[in-house]
Amino acid sequence: MPSVWPEPFGVSGVEMMHHALPMVGHDVGGISEWLLDGEVGYLVPPFRPKLLAEKLDFILSSPQRAAQMGQRALTWARSFPDVSAYVEQVEGLLLRAVRGKAGVRPNLGASQRSISLRALQEEASIADLSENIG
């Protein structure tokens, strides 16, 4: 995750940890929330390419240490909600916003979780959604 953009979370790193891979990433944005320095990988200050290379080289040249970090990464990653649960939460928020505009109370049963974004777009414009959410 050598991104210098302040990722709010950086979910791709957590996805990599689900494959028991240690991470090396820049200490920007929300990456430090999940990349536990020295435990599941290494955090490096941005714009320090030599330090980034050193940490990558350390992991690549220490397979036993990399495997240990990878196993800790896998355990740590499993503690985060999976992406499908997150998507369901966002869908629920959008449904509540759309139905709130129409004055209908949402019943978020299993059949409604499969509603597509296209259906939401047909029910309300983005401007209407932001009015209801804010």
C-alpha atoms as a PDB file:
ATOM      1  CA  MET A   1       0.000   0.000   0.000  1.00  0.00           C
ATOM      2  CA  PRO A   2       2.565   2.620  -0.966  1.00  0.00           C
ATOM      3  CA  SER A   3      -0.151   5.186  -1.549  1.00  0.00           C
ATOM      4  CA  VAL A   4       0.554   8.794  -0.659  1.00  0.00           C
ATOM      5  CA  TRP A   5      -3.097   9.741  -0.975  1.00  0.00           C
ATOM      6  CA  PRO A   6      -4.692   9.778   2.492  1.00  0.00           C
ATOM      7  CA  GLU A   7      -6.884   6.715   2.032  1.00  0.00           C
ATOM      8  CA  PRO A   8      -9.857   6.895   4.401  1.00  0.00           C
ATOM      9  CA  PHE A   9      -9.400   3.188   5.070  1.00  0.00           C
ATOM     10  CA  GLY A  10      -7.615   1.391   2.218  1.00  0.00           C
ATOM     11  CA  VAL A  11      -9.706  -1.779   2.002  1.00  0.00           C
ATOM     12  CA  SER A  12      -7.388  -3.390  -0.576  1.00  0.00           C
ATOM     13  CA  GLY A  13      -4.760  -3.854   2.130  1.00  0.00           C
ATOM     14  CA  VAL A  14      -7.225  -5.667   4.371  1.00  0.00           C
ATOM     15  CA  GLU A  15      -8.193  -7.833   1.399  1.00  0.00           C
ATOM     16  CA  MET A  16      -4.514  -8.764   0.955  1.00  0.00           C
ATOM     17  CA  MET A  17      -4.266  -9.640   4.639  1.00  0.00           C
ATOM     18  CA  HIS A  18      -7.140 -12.101   4.086  1.00  0.00           C
ATOM     19  CA  HIS A  19      -4.593 -14.018   1.988  1.00  0.00           C
ATOM     20  CA  ALA A  20      -2.126 -14.124   4.916  1.00  0.00           C
ATOM     21  CA  LEU A  21       0.183 -11.595   3.298  1.00  0.00           C
ATOM     22  CA  PRO A  22       2.154  -9.101   5.363  1.00  0.00           C
ATOM     23  CA  MET A  23       1.799  -5.493   4.229  1.00  0.00           C
ATOM     24  CA  VAL A  24       4.150  -2.580   3.754  1.00  0.00           C
ATOM     25  CA  GLY A  25       2.383   0.736   3.392  1.00  0.00           C
ATOM     26  CA  HIS A  26       2.726   4.446   3.796  1.00  0.00           C
ATOM     27  CA  ASP A  27       1.573   5.929   7.070  1.00  0.00           C
ATOM     28  CA  VAL A  28      -1.135   8.135   5.547  1.00  0.00           C
ATOM     29  CA  GLY A  29      -4.873   8.431   6.069  1.00  0.00           C
ATOM     30  CA  GLY A  30      -6.580   5.472   7.681  1.00  0.00           C
ATOM     31  CA  ILE A  31      -3.948   2.885   6.752  1.00  0.00           C
ATOM     32  CA  SER A  32      -2.433   3.072  10.236  1.00  0.00           C
ATOM     33  CA  GLU A  33      -5.852   2.060  11.622  1.00  0.00           C
ATOM     34  CA  TRP A  34      -5.398  -1.470  10.318  1.00  0.00           C
ATOM     35  CA  LEU A  35      -1.712  -1.890   9.419  1.00  0.00           C
ATOM     36  CA  LEU A  36      -0.218  -2.687  12.816  1.00  0.00           C
ATOM     37  CA  ASP A  37       3.426  -1.704  12.421  1.00  0.00           C
ATOM     38  CA  GLY A  38       5.786  -4.578  13.156  1.00  0.00           C
ATOM     39  CA  GLU A  39       2.918  -7.026  13.716  1.00  0.00           C
ATOM     40  CA  VAL A  40       1.137  -7.510  10.373  1.00  0.00           C
ATOM     41  CA  GLY A  41       3.567  -5.512   8.259  1.00  0.00           C
ATOM     42  CA  TYR A  42       5.324  -2.171   8.292  1.00  0.00           C
ATOM     43  CA  LEU A  43       4.276   1.451   8.132  1.00  0.00           C
ATOM     44  CA  VAL A  44       6.672   3.786   6.355  1.00  0.00           C
ATOM     45  CA  PRO A  45       6.475   7.584   6.174  1.00  0.00           C
ATOM     46  CA  PRO A  46       5.512   8.740   2.678  1.00  0.00           C
ATOM     47  CA  PHE A  47       8.222   9.852   0.237  1.00  0.00           C
ATOM     48  CA  ARG A  48      10.862   7.649   1.863  1.00  0.00           C
ATOM     49  CA  PRO A  49      11.608   5.213  -0.984  1.00  0.00           C
ATOM     50  CA  LYS A  50      14.780   3.807   0.600  1.00  0.00           C
ATOM     51  CA  LEU A  51      12.971   2.939   3.823  1.00  0.00           C
ATOM     52  CA  LEU A  52      10.076   1.444   1.831  1.00  0.00           C
ATOM     53  CA  ALA A  53      12.564  -0.706  -0.114  1.00  0.00           C
ATOM     54  CA  GLU A  54      14.301  -1.784   3.109  1.00  0.00           C
ATOM     55  CA  LYS A  55      11.029  -2.962   4.652  1.00  0.00           C
ATOM     56  CA  LEU A  56      10.013  -4.808   1.476  1.00  0.00           C
ATOM     57  CA  ASP A  57      13.466  -6.408   1.262  1.00  0.00           C
ATOM     58  CA  PHE A  58      13.270  -7.456   4.919  1.00  0.00           C
ATOM     59  CA  ILE A  59       9.972  -9.240   4.330  1.00  0.00           C
ATOM     60  CA  LEU A  60      11.177 -10.879   1.116  1.00  0.00           C
ATOM     61  CA  SER A  61      14.465 -12.028   2.649  1.00  0.00           C
ATOM     62  CA  SER A  62      12.878 -13.378   5.857  1.00  0.00           C
ATOM     63  CA  PRO A  63      10.310 -15.977   4.776  1.00  0.00           C
ATOM     64  CA  GLN A  64       9.752 -17.257   8.311  1.00  0.00           C
ATOM     65  CA  ARG A  65       9.121 -13.734   9.657  1.00  0.00           C
ATOM     66  CA  ALA A  66       6.908 -12.964   6.635  1.00  0.00           C
ATOM     67  CA  ALA A  67       4.854 -16.116   7.299  1.00  0.00           C
ATOM     68  CA  GLN A  68       4.407 -15.160  10.967  1.00  0.00           C
ATOM     69  CA  MET A  69       3.336 -11.644  10.033  1.00  0.00           C
ATOM     70  CA  GLY A  70       1.034 -13.075   7.379  1.00  0.00           C
ATOM     71  CA  GLN A  71      -0.695 -15.341   9.893  1.00  0.00           C
ATOM     72  CA  ARG A  72      -1.173 -12.415  12.288  1.00  0.00           C
ATOM     73  CA  ALA A  73      -2.438 -10.354   9.336  1.00  0.00           C
ATOM     74  CA  LEU A  74      -5.005 -13.041   8.504  1.00  0.00           C
ATOM     75  CA  THR A  75      -6.234 -13.203  12.099  1.00  0.00           C
ATOM     76  CA  TRP A  76      -6.413  -9.403  12.290  1.00  0.00           C
ATOM     77  CA  ALA A  77      -8.201  -9.088   8.913  1.00  0.00           C
ATOM     78  CA  ARG A  78     -10.873 -11.553  10.000  1.00  0.00           C
ATOM     79  CA  SER A  79     -11.810  -9.173  12.817  1.00  0.00           C
ATOM     80  CA  PHE A  80     -13.025  -6.589  10.276  1.00  0.00           C
ATOM     81  CA  PRO A  81     -16.543  -6.767   8.854  1.00  0.00           C
ATOM     82  CA  ASP A  82     -16.580  -8.295   5.395  1.00  0.00           C
ATOM     83  CA  VAL A  83     -17.292  -6.147   2.367  1.00  0.00           C
ATOM     84  CA  SER A  84     -20.727  -7.677   1.759  1.00  0.00           C
ATOM     85  CA  ALA A  85     -21.853  -6.641   5.253  1.00  0.00           C
ATOM     86  CA  TYR A  86     -20.596  -3.113   4.544  1.00  0.00           C
ATOM     87  CA  VAL A  87     -22.484  -3.005   1.231  1.00  0.00           C
ATOM     88  CA  GLU A  88     -25.662  -4.137   3.004  1.00  0.00           C
ATOM     89  CA  GLN A  89     -25.261  -1.314   5.525  1.00  0.00           C
ATOM     90  CA  VAL A  90     -24.819   1.271   2.745  1.00  0.00           C
ATOM     91  CA  GLU A  91     -27.846  -0.143   0.895  1.00  0.00           C
ATOM     92  CA  GLY A  92     -29.880   0.148   4.083  1.00  0.00           C
ATOM     93  CA  LEU A  93     -28.839   3.769   4.506  1.00  0.00           C
ATOM     94  CA  LEU A  94     -29.794   4.566   0.920  1.00  0.00           C
ATOM     95  CA  LEU A  95     -33.123   2.763   1.241  1.00  0.00           C
ATOM     96  CA  ARG A  96     -33.952   4.685   4.422  1.00  0.00           C
ATOM     97  CA  ALA A  97     -33.094   7.950   2.679  1.00  0.00           C
ATOM     98  CA  VAL A  98     -35.233   7.135  -0.368  1.00  0.00           C
ATOM     99  CA  ARG A  99     -38.168   5.856   1.622  1.00  0.00           C
ATOM    100  CA  GLY A 100     -37.909   8.735   4.097  1.00  0.00           C
ATOM    101  CA  LYS A 101     -38.393  11.153   1.209  1.00  0.00           C
ATOM    102  CA  ALA A 102     -41.570   9.328   0.205  1.00  0.00           C
ATOM    103  CA  GLY A 103     -42.800   9.153   3.794  1.00  0.00           C
ATOM    104  CA  VAL A 104     -42.675   5.347   3.808  1.00  0.00           C
ATOM    105  CA  ARG A 105     -40.991   3.498   6.642  1.00  0.00           C
ATOM    106  CA  PRO A 106     -38.446   1.027   5.284  1.00  0.00           C
ATOM    107  CA  ASN A 107     -38.782  -2.659   6.049  1.00  0.00           C
ATOM    108  CA  LEU A 108     -35.288  -3.921   5.320  1.00  0.00           C
ATOM    109  CA  GLY A 109     -36.011  -7.626   4.992  1.00  0.00           C
ATOM    110  CA  ALA A 110     -33.894 -10.066   3.026  1.00  0.00           C
ATOM    111  CA  SER A 111     -35.804  -9.457  -0.217  1.00  0.00           C
ATOM    112  CA  GLN A 112     -35.089  -5.726  -0.057  1.00  0.00           C
ATOM    113  CA  ARG A 113     -31.348  -6.183   0.471  1.00  0.00           C
ATOM    114  CA  SER A 114     -31.040  -7.295  -3.127  1.00  0.00           C
ATOM    115  CA  ILE A 115     -32.339  -4.015  -4.499  1.00  0.00           C
ATOM    116  CA  SER A 116     -29.944  -2.657  -7.080  1.00  0.00           C
ATOM    117  CA  LEU A 117     -28.364   0.753  -7.221  1.00  0.00           C
ATOM    118  CA  ARG A 118     -30.187   1.292 -10.520  1.00  0.00           C
ATOM    119  CA  ALA A 119     -33.532   0.887  -8.757  1.00  0.00           C
ATOM    120  CA  LEU A 120     -32.451   3.413  -6.158  1.00  0.00           C
ATOM    121  CA  GLN A 121     -31.453   5.849  -8.892  1.00  0.00           C
ATOM    122  CA  GLU A 122     -34.893   5.487 -10.460  1.00  0.00           C
ATOM    123  CA  GLU A 123     -36.575   6.328  -7.153  1.00  0.00           C
ATOM    124  CA  ALA A 124     -34.568   9.424  -6.279  1.00  0.00           C
ATOM    125  CA  SER A 125     -31.891  11.695  -7.634  1.00  0.00           C
ATOM    126  CA  ILE A 126     -28.516  12.085  -5.934  1.00  0.00           C
ATOM    127  CA  ALA A 127     -29.581  15.567  -4.800  1.00  0.00           C
ATOM    128  CA  ASP A 128     -32.643  14.121  -3.068  1.00  0.00           C
ATOM    129  CA  LEU A 129     -30.476  11.540  -1.330  1.00  0.00           C
ATOM    130  CA  SER A 130     -28.059  14.127   0.019  1.00  0.00           C
ATOM    131  CA  GLU A 131     -30.932  16.250   1.327  1.00  0.00           C
ATOM    132  CA  ASN A 132     -32.329  13.291   3.276  1.00  0.00           C
ATOM    133  CA  ILE A 133     -28.996  12.065   4.580  1.00  0.00           C
ATOM    134  CA  GLY A 134     -27.819  15.478   5.750  1.00  0.00           C
END
